[in-house]
Amino acid sequence: MKRILLAVVVVAVGVGGIALGLRMRGLSFEEAAGMGREAITGKMSRRTTESVVAEVEKAKPALALLAKAAGSKLRINVFKEERTVEISSPGWINPVVYKMTAFSGKLGPKLKEGDRQIPEGIYCVEYMNPNSSYHLSFKVSYPNDFDKAMAAKEGRTNLGGDIMIHGSNATIGCVPIGDKGIEDVFYLVAKVGFKNVEIVIAPYDMRKGRRPELEESSLAWYPRLCDDICAALNRGYSGGPKVAK
C-alpha cells in the first residue's frame, strides 16, 4: 500500500512540475496538465509499437489485408472543415475515412504556441507513441521548414509543437479520431513504416474546386500554402513525405 501511495505522489508531483513548466510557456493550466500527464504516463507504461500491432491485428485481422495492399505508401489527409481524416494508398480502391471526435481553433494555419490551432500544411510522421494517455498517438512534423521560414520572416517565435494524431475525444490543437479509429490508423502506419507516410492537413477538401475563403488574409504567404496543399491533394500519394517550399 505504501508503494502504491508513493507512486501516486510521484505521478502527481511529476505532472504538476511539467504542467508548471508548460504553463510558463503560455499554455492554460488545463492544456499544460494534459501534456504533463502524457509525458508521465508514457514513461511509466511498457507498451511497445510491436505489442500494439500484435494486439490490433489479433482483434481486427482484416486490417492486415489493408496493410498488405498498401505496401509502403500511405497518405493521411486531414480536412478541418469537414472534420474528417482520410487514409488512402495507391494499393487501395477506396480510402478509409474517420470522423474527428473533437476540434479546436478555426480554419487557418497554426502561428504560435497556445493558439489552439490545428496546423495546415504538408507533413510527415516524426515518431509513434504506443503509451499515449490518449490511447495511442503519433506525432505530426509541425513546424516544418515552411512553417519555420514564414515565422522567421515575421519575427514569430514559440511556434508550438507536440501536434499529434491520437485517440480519445479531446484536443488542444491535435487531431483526435477516437480510440477505435486510432487503433486502425496506428496499426497501418506501423505496418507501412512511419517514414513512408505523408500527412496533408487542409482547411477543407480542396479537391472539390472551391478556393479558400482566406480568414487569415493578413498573411501574404497563406494563399501560396493553400496552393501547395491543393496540389498535394490532387496529385494523391507521391511516394514519400514532402515539405512545402
Protein backbone atom coordinates (compact mmCIF):
# COMPACT_ATOMS: atom_id res chain seq x y z
CA MET A 1 0.00 0.00 0.00
CA LYS A 2 2.83 2.38 0.84
CA ARG A 3 4.40 1.73 -2.57
CA ILE A 4 1.11 2.48 -4.32
CA LEU A 5 0.69 5.72 -2.39
CA LEU A 6 4.28 6.67 -3.18
CA ALA A 7 3.70 6.03 -6.89
CA VAL A 8 0.58 8.21 -6.84
CA VAL A 9 2.50 11.02 -5.15
CA VAL A 10 5.35 10.75 -7.66
CA VAL A 11 2.95 10.95 -10.60
CA ALA A 12 1.11 13.91 -9.10
CA VAL A 13 4.33 15.79 -8.41
CA GLY A 14 5.67 14.93 -11.85
CA VAL A 15 2.54 16.12 -13.63
CA GLY A 16 2.47 19.27 -11.53
CA GLY A 17 6.11 20.07 -12.27
CA ILE A 18 5.74 19.51 -16.01
CA ALA A 19 2.47 21.46 -16.04
CA LEU A 20 4.11 24.41 -14.28
CA GLY A 21 6.90 24.48 -16.82
CA LEU A 22 4.46 24.34 -19.73
CA ARG A 23 2.25 26.96 -18.06
CA MET A 24 5.20 29.33 -18.15
CA ARG A 25 5.34 28.78 -21.92
CA GLY A 26 1.87 30.28 -22.36
CA LEU A 27 -0.46 27.27 -22.21
CA SER A 28 -3.53 27.21 -19.99
CA PHE A 29 -3.23 25.04 -16.89
CA GLU A 30 -5.68 22.52 -18.40
CA GLU A 31 -3.56 22.24 -21.55
CA ALA A 32 -0.32 22.04 -19.61
CA ALA A 33 -1.64 19.42 -17.20
CA GLY A 34 -2.79 17.27 -20.11
CA MET A 35 0.63 17.38 -21.72
CA GLY A 36 2.21 16.64 -18.34
CA ARG A 37 0.07 13.53 -17.91
CA GLU A 38 1.03 12.42 -21.44
CA ALA A 39 4.72 12.66 -20.61
CA ILE A 40 4.49 10.91 -17.22
CA THR A 41 2.21 8.05 -18.27
CA GLY A 42 4.35 7.46 -21.34
CA LYS A 43 7.42 6.96 -19.15
CA MET A 44 5.64 4.63 -16.73
CA SER A 45 3.97 2.36 -19.31
CA ARG A 46 5.71 -0.55 -21.01
CA ARG A 47 3.72 -0.99 -24.22
CA THR A 48 5.66 -1.13 -27.46
CA THR A 49 4.60 -0.40 -31.02
CA GLU A 50 5.16 -4.06 -31.82
CA SER A 51 2.91 -5.24 -28.99
CA VAL A 52 0.16 -2.83 -30.05
CA VAL A 53 0.40 -4.05 -33.65
CA ALA A 54 0.04 -7.64 -32.46
CA GLU A 55 -2.96 -6.78 -30.26
CA VAL A 56 -4.76 -4.85 -33.01
CA GLU A 57 -4.08 -7.49 -35.66
CA LYS A 58 -5.49 -10.19 -33.40
CA ALA A 59 -8.64 -8.14 -32.74
CA LYS A 60 -9.02 -6.81 -36.30
CA PRO A 61 -7.49 -9.33 -38.74
CA ALA A 62 -8.98 -7.57 -41.80
CA LEU A 63 -6.56 -4.69 -41.24
CA ALA A 64 -3.69 -6.97 -42.23
CA LEU A 65 -5.12 -7.17 -45.76
CA LEU A 66 -5.29 -3.36 -45.97
CA ALA A 67 -1.71 -3.06 -44.76
CA LYS A 68 -0.50 -5.64 -47.28
CA ALA A 69 -2.27 -3.84 -50.14
CA ALA A 70 -0.80 -0.51 -49.03
CA GLY A 71 2.75 -1.83 -49.25
CA SER A 72 5.00 1.07 -48.32
CA LYS A 73 2.81 4.01 -49.36
CA LEU A 74 0.23 5.67 -47.13
CA ARG A 75 -1.35 9.13 -47.18
CA ILE A 76 -3.27 10.77 -44.35
CA ASN A 77 -5.48 13.72 -45.35
CA VAL A 78 -6.94 15.82 -42.54
CA PHE A 79 -9.85 18.09 -43.53
CA LYS A 80 -10.56 20.62 -40.80
CA GLU A 81 -13.89 21.99 -42.01
CA GLU A 82 -15.30 18.53 -42.69
CA ARG A 83 -13.65 17.26 -39.50
CA THR A 84 -12.60 14.05 -41.18
CA VAL A 85 -9.37 12.09 -41.53
CA GLU A 86 -8.95 10.18 -44.80
CA ILE A 87 -6.45 7.34 -45.14
CA SER A 88 -5.50 6.26 -48.67
CA SER A 89 -2.91 4.29 -50.62
CA PRO A 90 -2.31 3.60 -54.33
CA GLY A 91 -2.92 -0.06 -53.50
CA TRP A 92 -6.47 0.57 -52.29
CA ILE A 93 -9.63 1.03 -54.35
CA ASN A 94 -11.24 3.40 -51.83
CA PRO A 95 -9.93 5.47 -48.93
CA VAL A 96 -10.89 4.82 -45.31
CA VAL A 97 -12.46 7.81 -43.56
CA TYR A 98 -12.67 8.57 -39.83
CA LYS A 99 -14.56 11.34 -38.09
CA MET A 100 -12.64 13.66 -35.79
CA THR A 101 -14.01 13.27 -32.28
CA ALA A 102 -13.15 16.82 -31.18
CA PHE A 103 -11.95 20.08 -32.73
CA SER A 104 -10.25 23.26 -31.59
CA GLY A 105 -9.36 26.57 -33.22
CA LYS A 106 -10.61 27.67 -36.63
CA LEU A 107 -9.69 27.40 -40.30
CA GLY A 108 -6.24 28.79 -40.98
CA PRO A 109 -2.66 27.89 -40.05
CA LYS A 110 -1.10 27.47 -36.63
CA LEU A 111 1.06 30.50 -35.80
CA LYS A 112 2.14 30.18 -32.19
CA GLU A 113 2.11 28.04 -29.10
CA GLY A 114 -1.16 28.18 -27.20
CA ASP A 115 -3.35 29.37 -30.09
CA ARG A 116 -5.22 26.03 -30.04
CA GLN A 117 -4.91 25.79 -33.83
CA ILE A 118 -4.55 22.58 -35.79
CA PRO A 119 -1.73 23.37 -38.25
CA GLU A 120 -2.14 23.34 -42.02
CA GLY A 121 0.50 22.10 -44.42
CA ILE A 122 2.34 19.05 -45.71
CA TYR A 123 3.95 16.94 -43.02
CA CYS A 124 5.32 13.52 -42.14
CA VAL A 125 5.26 11.32 -39.02
CA GLU A 126 8.12 12.03 -36.60
CA TYR A 127 7.53 9.18 -34.17
CA MET A 128 4.89 6.86 -32.75
CA ASN A 129 3.75 6.73 -29.13
CA PRO A 130 2.17 3.43 -28.02
CA ASN A 131 1.98 4.78 -24.46
CA SER A 132 -0.09 7.90 -25.08
CA SER A 133 -2.57 8.95 -22.41
CA TYR A 134 -4.90 9.43 -25.40
CA HIS A 135 -4.79 5.65 -26.04
CA LEU A 136 -2.32 5.74 -28.99
CA SER A 137 -0.74 8.56 -30.95
CA PHE A 138 1.86 9.59 -33.49
CA LYS A 139 3.48 12.99 -33.92
CA VAL A 140 2.95 15.30 -36.88
CA SER A 141 6.15 17.07 -38.01
CA TYR A 142 4.89 20.57 -37.23
CA PRO A 143 6.60 23.01 -37.52
CA ASN A 144 8.09 22.02 -40.86
CA ASP A 145 10.60 24.03 -42.91
CA PHE A 146 7.88 26.21 -44.43
CA ASP A 147 6.34 27.00 -41.02
CA LYS A 148 9.74 27.96 -39.64
CA ALA A 149 10.68 30.08 -42.65
CA MET A 150 7.45 32.11 -42.55
CA ALA A 151 7.78 32.60 -38.80
CA ALA A 152 11.35 33.83 -39.20
CA LYS A 153 10.26 36.40 -41.80
CA GLU A 154 7.60 37.73 -39.45
CA GLY A 155 9.70 37.57 -36.30
CA ARG A 156 7.47 34.97 -34.66
CA THR A 157 8.94 32.62 -32.06
CA ASN A 158 7.43 29.88 -29.87
CA LEU A 159 5.62 28.21 -32.75
CA GLY A 160 4.40 25.39 -30.56
CA GLY A 161 4.65 21.70 -31.32
CA ASP A 162 3.59 18.32 -29.97
CA ILE A 163 0.84 18.07 -32.58
CA MET A 164 -0.44 14.51 -32.53
CA ILE A 165 -3.00 12.36 -34.26
CA HIS A 166 -4.43 10.38 -31.35
CA GLY A 167 -7.38 8.61 -29.78
CA SER A 168 -9.90 9.83 -27.21
CA ASN A 169 -12.22 12.78 -27.78
CA ALA A 170 -10.33 15.86 -26.60
CA THR A 171 -7.92 18.23 -28.33
CA ILE A 172 -5.90 21.41 -27.88
CA GLY A 173 -4.67 21.62 -31.46
CA CYS A 174 -4.23 17.91 -32.16
CA VAL A 175 -6.32 15.58 -34.34
CA PRO A 176 -8.36 13.05 -32.30
CA ILE A 177 -10.18 10.21 -34.07
CA GLY A 178 -11.35 8.13 -31.11
CA ASP A 179 -9.78 5.01 -29.64
CA LYS A 180 -11.10 2.59 -32.28
CA GLY A 181 -10.04 4.90 -35.10
CA ILE A 182 -6.51 5.44 -33.80
CA GLU A 183 -6.06 1.69 -33.35
CA ASP A 184 -6.70 1.21 -37.08
CA VAL A 185 -4.52 4.10 -38.22
CA PHE A 186 -1.70 3.43 -35.74
CA TYR A 187 -1.59 -0.17 -36.96
CA LEU A 188 -1.50 0.84 -40.65
CA VAL A 189 1.19 3.47 -40.08
CA ALA A 190 3.31 0.97 -38.15
CA LYS A 191 2.95 -1.75 -40.79
CA VAL A 192 3.70 0.58 -43.70
CA GLY A 193 6.55 2.25 -41.81
CA PHE A 194 6.01 5.71 -40.37
CA LYS A 195 8.76 7.18 -42.57
CA ASN A 196 6.68 6.21 -45.62
CA VAL A 197 3.61 8.20 -44.53
CA GLU A 198 2.68 11.64 -45.87
CA ILE A 199 0.26 13.85 -43.93
CA VAL A 200 -1.64 16.70 -45.59
CA ILE A 201 -3.66 18.95 -43.28
CA ALA A 202 -6.06 21.21 -45.20
CA PRO A 203 -8.61 23.82 -44.15
CA TYR A 204 -11.14 21.76 -46.16
CA ASP A 205 -11.23 19.33 -49.09
CA MET A 206 -9.80 21.48 -51.89
CA ARG A 207 -10.25 18.72 -54.45
CA LYS A 208 -13.84 19.89 -54.83
CA GLY A 209 -12.70 23.02 -56.69
CA ARG A 210 -13.51 25.59 -54.02
CA ARG A 211 -10.88 28.21 -53.25
CA PRO A 212 -10.09 29.21 -49.68
CA GLU A 213 -12.02 31.96 -48.00
CA LEU A 214 -8.87 33.47 -46.56
CA GLU A 215 -9.72 34.26 -42.98
CA GLU A 216 -6.02 34.91 -42.40
CA SER A 217 -5.89 37.46 -45.25
CA SER A 218 -3.16 39.42 -43.44
CA LEU A 219 -0.78 36.52 -44.09
CA ALA A 220 0.67 37.16 -47.54
CA TRP A 221 2.04 33.62 -47.72
CA TYR A 222 -1.18 31.79 -46.87
CA PRO A 223 -2.56 31.64 -50.46
CA ARG A 224 0.74 30.10 -51.54
CA LEU A 225 0.47 27.49 -48.79
CA CYS A 226 -3.08 26.70 -49.87
CA ASP A 227 -1.84 26.22 -53.45
CA ASP A 228 0.76 23.73 -52.20
CA ILE A 229 -1.86 21.88 -50.14
CA CYS A 230 -4.27 21.79 -53.07
CA ALA A 231 -1.57 20.44 -55.40
CA ALA A 232 -0.64 17.74 -52.89
CA LEU A 233 -4.26 16.66 -52.52
CA ASN A 234 -4.79 16.49 -56.27
CA ARG A 235 -1.64 14.51 -57.01
CA GLY A 236 -2.52 11.84 -54.46
CA TYR A 237 0.29 9.97 -52.78
CA SER A 238 3.56 10.99 -54.37
CA GLY A 239 5.98 8.47 -52.93
CA GLY A 240 7.07 9.92 -49.62
CA PRO A 241 6.88 12.85 -47.22
CA LYS A 242 7.14 16.28 -48.80
CA VAL A 243 7.82 19.65 -47.20
CA ALA A 244 6.18 22.74 -48.71
CA LYS A 245 8.80 25.14 -50.07
